[in-house]
Amino acid sequence: MVKIDWHPADIIAGLKKRGTTLSAVSREAGLSASTLSNALHRSWPKGERLIATALDCEPYEIWPSRYSK
């Protein structure tokens, strides 16, 4: 079974369901408010880890194409 990456809107919605935003997660990590949006469109392991932690999952679950073996 081929797993596909989460759509960026699904990531943002998941964060909102948990009471936060991409900007808030970014600022809490000491980054500019818009910095984490880079991880939605290109590989950036640090940003992916921050987003996954906020969603209580692992980066490979959100972006399987970036972590394929």
PDB file of N, CA and C in Angstrom:
ATOM      1  N   MET A   1       0.832  -1.181   0.000  1.00  0.00           N
ATOM      2  CA  MET A   1       0.000   0.000   0.000  1.00  0.00           C
ATOM      3  C   MET A   1       0.879   1.248   0.000  1.00  0.00           C
ATOM      4  N   VAL A   2       0.640   2.126  -0.944  1.00  0.00           N
ATOM      5  CA  VAL A   2       1.410   3.356  -1.055  1.00  0.00           C
ATOM      6  C   VAL A   2       0.807   4.417  -0.146  1.00  0.00           C
ATOM      7  N   LYS A   3       1.644   4.968   0.705  1.00  0.00           N
ATOM      8  CA  LYS A   3       1.185   6.045   1.580  1.00  0.00           C
ATOM      9  C   LYS A   3       1.530   7.371   0.931  1.00  0.00           C
ATOM     10  N   ILE A   4       0.624   8.324   1.042  1.00  0.00           N
ATOM     11  CA  ILE A   4       0.874   9.643   0.473  1.00  0.00           C
ATOM     12  C   ILE A   4       1.070  10.651   1.594  1.00  0.00           C
ATOM     13  N   ASP A   5       1.791  11.705   1.273  1.00  0.00           N
ATOM     14  CA  ASP A   5       2.030  12.769   2.240  1.00  0.00           C
ATOM     15  C   ASP A   5       0.724  13.470   2.591  1.00  0.00           C
ATOM     16  N   TRP A   6       0.655  13.963   3.810  1.00  0.00           N
ATOM     17  CA  TRP A   6      -0.498  14.755   4.213  1.00  0.00           C
ATOM     18  C   TRP A   6      -0.530  16.023   3.372  1.00  0.00           C
ATOM     19  N   HIS A   7      -1.704  16.480   3.047  1.00  0.00           N
ATOM     20  CA  HIS A   7      -1.864  17.761   2.363  1.00  0.00           C
ATOM     21  C   HIS A   7      -1.556  18.862   3.379  1.00  0.00           C
ATOM     22  N   PRO A   8      -0.907  19.956   2.962  1.00  0.00           N
ATOM     23  CA  PRO A   8      -0.615  21.040   3.901  1.00  0.00           C
ATOM     24  C   PRO A   8      -1.846  21.533   4.669  1.00  0.00           C
ATOM     25  N   ALA A   9      -3.004  21.560   4.020  1.00  0.00           N
ATOM     26  CA  ALA A   9      -4.228  21.997   4.705  1.00  0.00           C
ATOM     27  C   ALA A   9      -4.602  21.036   5.832  1.00  0.00           C
ATOM     28  N   ASP A  10      -4.308  19.745   5.649  1.00  0.00           N
ATOM     29  CA  ASP A  10      -4.588  18.764   6.700  1.00  0.00           C
ATOM     30  C   ASP A  10      -3.654  18.955   7.894  1.00  0.00           C
ATOM     31  N   ILE A  11      -2.426  19.330   7.629  1.00  0.00           N
ATOM     32  CA  ILE A  11      -1.468  19.601   8.705  1.00  0.00           C
ATOM     33  C   ILE A  11      -1.932  20.812   9.501  1.00  0.00           C
ATOM     34  N   ILE A  12      -2.296  21.872   8.809  1.00  0.00           N
ATOM     35  CA  ILE A  12      -2.765  23.092   9.465  1.00  0.00           C
ATOM     36  C   ILE A  12      -4.036  22.815  10.262  1.00  0.00           C
ATOM     37  N   ALA A  13      -4.954  22.035   9.684  1.00  0.00           N
ATOM     38  CA  ALA A  13      -6.192  21.687  10.389  1.00  0.00           C
ATOM     39  C   ALA A  13      -5.895  20.849  11.632  1.00  0.00           C
ATOM     40  N   GLY A  14      -4.951  19.930  11.515  1.00  0.00           N
ATOM     41  CA  GLY A  14      -4.575  19.112  12.663  1.00  0.00           C
ATOM     42  C   GLY A  14      -4.029  19.952  13.806  1.00  0.00           C
ATOM     43  N   LEU A  15      -3.241  20.955  13.468  1.00  0.00           N
ATOM     44  CA  LEU A  15      -2.715  21.854  14.492  1.00  0.00           C
ATOM     45  C   LEU A  15      -3.845  22.649  15.137  1.00  0.00           C
ATOM     46  N   LYS A  16      -4.762  23.151  14.329  1.00  0.00           N
ATOM     47  CA  LYS A  16      -5.893  23.916  14.866  1.00  0.00           C
ATOM     48  C   LYS A  16      -6.746  23.057  15.792  1.00  0.00           C
ATOM     49  N   LYS A  17      -6.941  21.789  15.441  1.00  0.00           N
ATOM     50  CA  LYS A  17      -7.710  20.880  16.296  1.00  0.00           C
ATOM     51  C   LYS A  17      -7.036  20.690  17.645  1.00  0.00           C
ATOM     52  N   ARG A  18      -5.732  20.877  17.687  1.00  0.00           N
ATOM     53  CA  ARG A  18      -4.979  20.748  18.936  1.00  0.00           C
ATOM     54  C   ARG A  18      -4.786  22.096  19.623  1.00  0.00           C
ATOM     55  N   GLY A  19      -5.449  23.120  19.100  1.00  0.00           N
ATOM     56  CA  GLY A  19      -5.432  24.424  19.754  1.00  0.00           C
ATOM     57  C   GLY A  19      -4.208  25.268  19.482  1.00  0.00           C
ATOM     58  N   THR A  20      -3.534  25.014  18.379  1.00  0.00           N
ATOM     59  CA  THR A  20      -2.356  25.807  18.048  1.00  0.00           C
ATOM     60  C   THR A  20      -2.337  26.102  16.553  1.00  0.00           C
ATOM     61  N   THR A  21      -1.328  26.812  16.130  1.00  0.00           N
ATOM     62  CA  THR A  21      -1.163  27.148  14.718  1.00  0.00           C
ATOM     63  C   THR A  21       0.278  26.895  14.316  1.00  0.00           C
ATOM     64  N   LEU A  22       0.511  26.871  13.030  1.00  0.00           N
ATOM     65  CA  LEU A  22       1.869  26.708  12.521  1.00  0.00           C
ATOM     66  C   LEU A  22       2.747  27.866  12.995  1.00  0.00           C
ATOM     67  N   SER A  23       2.204  29.066  12.979  1.00  0.00           N
ATOM     68  CA  SER A  23       2.953  30.239  13.442  1.00  0.00           C
ATOM     69  C   SER A  23       3.314  30.130  14.915  1.00  0.00           C
ATOM     70  N   ALA A  24       2.377  29.668  15.726  1.00  0.00           N
ATOM     71  CA  ALA A  24       2.634  29.540  17.163  1.00  0.00           C
ATOM     72  C   ALA A  24       3.717  28.500  17.434  1.00  0.00           C
ATOM     73  N   VAL A  25       3.658  27.377  16.750  1.00  0.00           N
ATOM     74  CA  VAL A  25       4.682  26.334  16.921  1.00  0.00           C
ATOM     75  C   VAL A  25       6.043  26.893  16.517  1.00  0.00           C
ATOM     76  N   SER A  26       6.060  27.638  15.441  1.00  0.00           N
ATOM     77  CA  SER A  26       7.296  28.240  14.957  1.00  0.00           C
ATOM     78  C   SER A  26       7.871  29.215  15.988  1.00  0.00           C
ATOM     79  N   ARG A  27       7.026  30.099  16.502  1.00  0.00           N
ATOM     80  CA  ARG A  27       7.492  31.082  17.495  1.00  0.00           C
ATOM     81  C   ARG A  27       7.954  30.405  18.782  1.00  0.00           C
ATOM     82  N   GLU A  28       7.236  29.358  19.221  1.00  0.00           N
ATOM     83  CA  GLU A  28       7.627  28.634  20.437  1.00  0.00           C
ATOM     84  C   GLU A  28       9.001  27.994  20.291  1.00  0.00           C
ATOM     85  N   ALA A  29       9.382  27.678  19.065  1.00  0.00           N
ATOM     86  CA  ALA A  29      10.699  27.080  18.805  1.00  0.00           C
ATOM     87  C   ALA A  29      11.778  28.148  18.617  1.00  0.00           C
ATOM     88  N   GLY A  30      11.385  29.416  18.769  1.00  0.00           N
ATOM     89  CA  GLY A  30      12.350  30.500  18.620  1.00  0.00           C
ATOM     90  C   GLY A  30      12.600  30.905  17.182  1.00  0.00           C
ATOM     91  N   LEU A  31      11.690  30.529  16.293  1.00  0.00           N
ATOM     92  CA  LEU A  31      11.823  30.851  14.876  1.00  0.00           C
ATOM     93  C   LEU A  31      10.862  31.972  14.502  1.00  0.00           C
ATOM     94  N   SER A  32      11.073  32.543  13.347  1.00  0.00           N
ATOM     95  CA  SER A  32      10.136  33.520  12.811  1.00  0.00           C
ATOM     96  C   SER A  32       8.791  32.836  12.604  1.00  0.00           C
ATOM     97  N   ALA A  33       7.711  33.588  12.708  1.00  0.00           N
ATOM     98  CA  ALA A  33       6.362  33.022  12.616  1.00  0.00           C
ATOM     99  C   ALA A  33       6.121  32.244  11.328  1.00  0.00           C
ATOM    100  N   SER A  34       6.747  32.649  10.243  1.00  0.00           N
ATOM    101  CA  SER A  34       6.483  31.996   8.956  1.00  0.00           C
ATOM    102  C   SER A  34       7.503  30.907   8.591  1.00  0.00           C
ATOM    103  N   THR A  35       8.512  30.711   9.406  1.00  0.00           N
ATOM    104  CA  THR A  35       9.596  29.793   9.061  1.00  0.00           C
ATOM    105  C   THR A  35       9.140  28.348   8.874  1.00  0.00           C
ATOM    106  N   LEU A  36       8.272  27.850   9.734  1.00  0.00           N
ATOM    107  CA  LEU A  36       7.869  26.442   9.637  1.00  0.00           C
ATOM    108  C   LEU A  36       7.063  26.133   8.388  1.00  0.00           C
ATOM    109  N   SER A  37       6.509  27.142   7.754  1.00  0.00           N
ATOM    110  CA  SER A  37       5.759  26.877   6.519  1.00  0.00           C
ATOM    111  C   SER A  37       6.670  26.284   5.448  1.00  0.00           C
ATOM    112  N   ASN A  38       7.973  26.506   5.555  1.00  0.00           N
ATOM    113  CA  ASN A  38       8.916  25.907   4.603  1.00  0.00           C
ATOM    114  C   ASN A  38       8.842  24.384   4.627  1.00  0.00           C
ATOM    115  N   ALA A  39       8.625  23.811   5.798  1.00  0.00           N
ATOM    116  CA  ALA A  39       8.582  22.350   5.919  1.00  0.00           C
ATOM    117  C   ALA A  39       7.356  21.747   5.242  1.00  0.00           C
ATOM    118  N   LEU A  40       6.346  22.554   4.969  1.00  0.00           N
ATOM    119  CA  LEU A  40       5.158  22.040   4.290  1.00  0.00           C
ATOM    120  C   LEU A  40       5.443  21.713   2.830  1.00  0.00           C
ATOM    121  N   HIS A  41       6.450  22.373   2.257  1.00  0.00           N
ATOM    122  CA  HIS A  41       6.683  22.252   0.820  1.00  0.00           C
ATOM    123  C   HIS A  41       8.043  21.693   0.428  1.00  0.00           C
ATOM    124  N   ARG A  42       8.968  21.631   1.386  1.00  0.00           N
ATOM    125  CA  ARG A  42      10.287  21.070   1.079  1.00  0.00           C
ATOM    126  C   ARG A  42      10.843  20.378   2.317  1.00  0.00           C
ATOM    127  N   SER A  43      11.735  19.461   2.079  1.00  0.00           N
ATOM    128  CA  SER A  43      12.310  18.689   3.174  1.00  0.00           C
ATOM    129  C   SER A  43      13.142  19.581   4.088  1.00  0.00           C
ATOM    130  N   TRP A  44      12.825  19.531   5.364  1.00  0.00           N
ATOM    131  CA  TRP A  44      13.571  20.251   6.399  1.00  0.00           C
ATOM    132  C   TRP A  44      13.360  19.469   7.697  1.00  0.00           C
ATOM    133  N   PRO A  45      14.237  18.534   8.007  1.00  0.00           N
ATOM    134  CA  PRO A  45      14.033  17.636   9.147  1.00  0.00           C
ATOM    135  C   PRO A  45      13.716  18.326  10.476  1.00  0.00           C
ATOM    136  N   LYS A  46      14.391  19.416  10.794  1.00  0.00           N
ATOM    137  CA  LYS A  46      14.110  20.098  12.061  1.00  0.00           C
ATOM    138  C   LYS A  46      12.670  20.603  12.090  1.00  0.00           C
ATOM    139  N   GLY A  47      12.240  21.242  11.020  1.00  0.00           N
ATOM    140  CA  GLY A  47      10.872  21.753  10.956  1.00  0.00           C
ATOM    141  C   GLY A  47       9.846  20.637  10.960  1.00  0.00           C
ATOM    142  N   GLU A  48      10.145  19.566  10.254  1.00  0.00           N
ATOM    143  CA  GLU A  48       9.240  18.418  10.209  1.00  0.00           C
ATOM    144  C   GLU A  48       9.064  17.821  11.597  1.00  0.00           C
ATOM    145  N   ARG A  49      10.146  17.737  12.351  1.00  0.00           N
ATOM    146  CA  ARG A  49      10.094  17.201  13.717  1.00  0.00           C
ATOM    147  C   ARG A  49       9.242  18.102  14.613  1.00  0.00           C
ATOM    148  N   LEU A  50       9.397  19.419  14.500  1.00  0.00           N
ATOM    149  CA  LEU A  50       8.605  20.342  15.317  1.00  0.00           C
ATOM    150  C   LEU A  50       7.115  20.198  15.027  1.00  0.00           C
ATOM    151  N   ILE A  51       6.776  20.111  13.756  1.00  0.00           N
ATOM    152  CA  ILE A  51       5.371  19.966  13.364  1.00  0.00           C
ATOM    153  C   ILE A  51       4.830  18.624  13.846  1.00  0.00           C
ATOM    154  N   ALA A  52       5.573  17.560  13.622  1.00  0.00           N
ATOM    155  CA  ALA A  52       5.126  16.229  14.034  1.00  0.00           C
ATOM    156  C   ALA A  52       4.932  16.149  15.545  1.00  0.00           C
ATOM    157  N   THR A  53       5.835  16.743  16.299  1.00  0.00           N
ATOM    158  CA  THR A  53       5.705  16.745  17.752  1.00  0.00           C
ATOM    159  C   THR A  53       4.425  17.452  18.174  1.00  0.00           C
ATOM    160  N   ALA A  54       4.125  18.574  17.538  1.00  0.00           N
ATOM    161  CA  ALA A  54       2.895  19.309  17.849  1.00  0.00           C
ATOM    162  C   ALA A  54       1.651  18.501  17.502  1.00  0.00           C
ATOM    163  N   LEU A  55       1.776  17.611  16.516  1.00  0.00           N
ATOM    164  CA  LEU A  55       0.656  16.761  16.098  1.00  0.00           C
ATOM    165  C   LEU A  55       0.671  15.399  16.798  1.00  0.00           C
ATOM    166  N   ASP A  56       1.633  15.201  17.703  1.00  0.00           N
ATOM    167  CA  ASP A  56       1.765  13.955  18.454  1.00  0.00           C
ATOM    168  C   ASP A  56       1.921  12.743  17.536  1.00  0.00           C
ATOM    169  N   CYS A  57       2.798  12.887  16.557  1.00  0.00           N
ATOM    170  CA  CYS A  57       3.108  11.769  15.667  1.00  0.00           C
ATOM    171  C   CYS A  57       4.558  11.898  15.206  1.00  0.00           C
ATOM    172  N   GLU A  58       4.955  11.069  14.283  1.00  0.00           N
ATOM    173  CA  GLU A  58       6.321  11.072  13.767  1.00  0.00           C
ATOM    174  C   GLU A  58       6.351  11.711  12.379  1.00  0.00           C
ATOM    175  N   PRO A  59       7.455  12.357  12.018  1.00  0.00           N
ATOM    176  CA  PRO A  59       7.538  12.981  10.692  1.00  0.00           C
ATOM    177  C   PRO A  59       7.261  12.017   9.542  1.00  0.00           C
ATOM    178  N   TYR A  60       7.720  10.762   9.660  1.00  0.00           N
ATOM    179  CA  TYR A  60       7.502   9.808   8.568  1.00  0.00           C
ATOM    180  C   TYR A  60       6.022   9.482   8.369  1.00  0.00           C
ATOM    181  N   GLU A  61       5.193   9.729   9.384  1.00  0.00           N
ATOM    182  CA  GLU A  61       3.759   9.510   9.232  1.00  0.00           C
ATOM    183  C   GLU A  61       3.107  10.628   8.418  1.00  0.00           C
ATOM    184  N   ILE A  62       3.667  11.818   8.506  1.00  0.00           N
ATOM    185  CA  ILE A  62       3.126  12.976   7.781  1.00  0.00           C
ATOM    186  C   ILE A  62       3.686  13.036   6.366  1.00  0.00           C
ATOM    187  N   TRP A  63       4.987  12.779   6.235  1.00  0.00           N
ATOM    188  CA  TRP A  63       5.662  12.862   4.935  1.00  0.00           C
ATOM    189  C   TRP A  63       6.339  11.541   4.596  1.00  0.00           C
ATOM    190  N   PRO A  64       5.599  10.486   4.306  1.00  0.00           N
ATOM    191  CA  PRO A  64       6.240   9.199   4.006  1.00  0.00           C
ATOM    192  C   PRO A  64       7.169   9.261   2.792  1.00  0.00           C
ATOM    193  N   SER A  65       6.892  10.138   1.839  1.00  0.00           N
ATOM    194  CA  SER A  65       7.761  10.227   0.658  1.00  0.00           C
ATOM    195  C   SER A  65       9.151  10.746   1.009  1.00  0.00           C
ATOM    196  N   ARG A  66       9.261  11.502   2.081  1.00  0.00           N
ATOM    197  CA  ARG A  66      10.551  12.057   2.495  1.00  0.00           C
ATOM    198  C   ARG A  66      11.346  11.069   3.338  1.00  0.00           C
ATOM    199  N   TYR A  67      10.681  10.050   3.840  1.00  0.00           N
ATOM    200  CA  TYR A  67      11.325   9.097   4.735  1.00  0.00           C
ATOM    201  C   TYR A  67      11.255   7.669   4.213  1.00  0.00           C
ATOM    202  N   SER A  68      11.034   7.515   2.917  1.00  0.00           N
ATOM    203  CA  SER A  68      10.950   6.163   2.360  1.00  0.00           C
ATOM    204  C   SER A  68      12.312   5.492   2.428  1.00  0.00           C
ATOM    205  N   LYS A  69      12.291   4.195   2.584  1.00  0.00           N
ATOM    206  CA  LYS A  69      13.541   3.444   2.755  1.00  0.00           C
ATOM    207  C   LYS A  69      14.062   2.950   1.442  1.00  0.00           C
TER     208      LYS A  69
END
